[in-house]
Protein backbone atom coordinates (compact mmCIF):
# COMPACT_ATOMS: atom_id res chain seq x y z
CA UNK A 1 0.10 -0.01 0.29
CA UNK A 2 1.50 3.57 -0.74
CA UNK A 3 2.20 5.88 1.94
CA UNK A 4 -0.94 7.98 1.07
CA UNK A 5 -2.80 5.09 1.61
CA UNK A 6 -5.07 2.44 -0.61
CA UNK A 7 -3.23 2.22 -3.82
CA UNK A 8 -1.72 -1.05 -4.13
CA UNK A 9 1.78 -0.74 -5.30
CA UNK A 10 2.25 -3.87 -5.43
CA UNK A 11 -0.18 -7.81 -6.10
CA UNK A 12 1.64 -11.19 -5.50
CA UNK A 13 -0.63 -14.53 -6.41
CA UNK A 14 0.06 -17.42 -4.16
CA UNK A 15 -1.32 -20.76 -3.89
CA UNK A 16 -1.73 -21.24 -0.27
CA UNK A 17 -5.37 -19.94 1.50
CA UNK A 18 -3.66 -17.31 2.99
CA UNK A 19 -0.66 -14.81 4.30
CA UNK A 20 -0.27 -14.45 8.03
CA UNK A 21 2.90 -13.12 8.35
CA UNK A 22 5.38 -10.70 7.22
CA UNK A 23 8.71 -9.66 7.97
CA UNK A 24 11.54 -6.85 6.51
CA UNK A 25 14.95 -8.12 5.97
CA UNK A 26 17.31 -5.33 5.49
CA UNK A 27 18.17 -5.90 2.29
CA UNK A 28 14.14 -4.61 1.41
CA UNK A 29 13.52 -7.81 1.16
CA UNK A 30 9.87 -8.72 2.25
CA UNK A 31 9.22 -12.56 3.77
CA UNK A 32 6.30 -14.05 4.01
CA UNK A 33 4.36 -16.91 6.47
CA UNK A 34 1.69 -18.26 4.99
CA UNK A 35 -1.13 -20.75 6.05
CA UNK A 36 -2.69 -24.15 4.73
CA UNK A 37 0.02 -24.94 4.21
CA UNK A 38 3.11 -23.38 6.64
CA UNK A 39 5.57 -22.05 3.77
CA UNK A 40 8.67 -19.05 3.59
CA UNK A 41 8.46 -16.80 0.90
CA UNK A 42 11.11 -13.95 -0.28
CA UNK A 43 9.55 -11.46 -1.79
CA UNK A 44 11.29 -8.28 -3.71
CA UNK A 45 9.38 -5.14 -4.35
CA UNK A 46 11.78 -3.42 -6.17
CA UNK A 47 11.98 -6.38 -9.30
CA UNK A 48 8.73 -8.18 -8.34
CA UNK A 49 10.79 -11.33 -7.68
CA UNK A 50 9.26 -13.96 -5.08
CA UNK A 51 11.06 -16.99 -4.27
CA UNK A 52 9.67 -20.07 -2.54
CA UNK A 53 12.29 -20.15 0.58
CA UNK A 54 10.83 -23.44 2.25
CA UNK A 55 7.76 -25.23 1.67
CA UNK A 56 5.58 -28.28 4.25
CA UNK A 57 7.81 -26.27 7.41
CA UNK A 58 6.39 -28.50 9.55
CA UNK A 59 3.41 -30.79 9.76
CA UNK A 60 1.13 -27.82 11.40
CA UNK A 61 0.05 -25.21 8.99
CA UNK A 62 0.58 -22.22 10.31
CA UNK A 63 3.65 -19.56 10.43
CA UNK A 64 2.14 -17.59 13.06
CA UNK A 65 5.11 -15.23 13.14
CA UNK A 66 8.16 -14.01 11.70
CA UNK A 67 11.73 -12.72 13.45
CA UNK A 68 14.61 -12.32 10.59
CA UNK A 69 18.49 -11.53 11.91
CA UNK A 70 21.24 -12.39 10.13
CA UNK A 71 20.38 -14.34 7.28
CA UNK A 72 18.17 -16.63 9.30
CA UNK A 73 14.48 -16.54 9.93
CA UNK A 74 12.88 -17.63 13.41
CA UNK A 75 9.08 -19.36 12.77
CA UNK A 76 6.25 -19.38 15.20
CA UNK A 77 4.16 -21.92 14.46
CA UNK A 78 0.55 -21.51 15.42
CA UNK A 79 -0.90 -24.79 17.24
CA UNK A 80 2.41 -26.65 18.36
CA UNK A 81 4.17 -23.43 19.84
CA UNK A 82 6.97 -25.16 17.66
CA UNK A 83 9.97 -22.23 17.13
CA UNK A 84 11.47 -23.27 14.05
CA UNK A 85 15.26 -21.48 12.52
CA UNK A 86 15.39 -21.49 8.55
CA UNK A 87 18.91 -20.00 6.88
CA UNK A 88 16.92 -17.75 4.57
CA UNK A 89 19.55 -18.13 1.34
CA UNK A 90 19.26 -22.17 1.21
CA UNK A 91 15.97 -22.77 2.64
CA UNK A 92 17.42 -25.66 5.22
CA UNK A 93 16.10 -26.29 8.90
CA UNK A 94 18.70 -25.17 11.31
CA UNK A 95 18.57 -27.13 14.49
């Protein structure tokens, strides 16, 4: 939405049922956590590039929250109160 309110500057289509969480990286990439299923995307508004970072992160269906720091995403998973750390470049979970 633009800073004057109300106008969508970018529209991105995702196959999942919805988006629940968003976070920005220092490189101005938007991280998107989806529901049904729980997937993680990266979207770069300047280029319009949308990339699936990691799919089917868990058996749960809901990325409740995203926190980003130094190339890693910490994802809060709703039902199970699970915390998953993901490398945002490779999409691999960090254990």
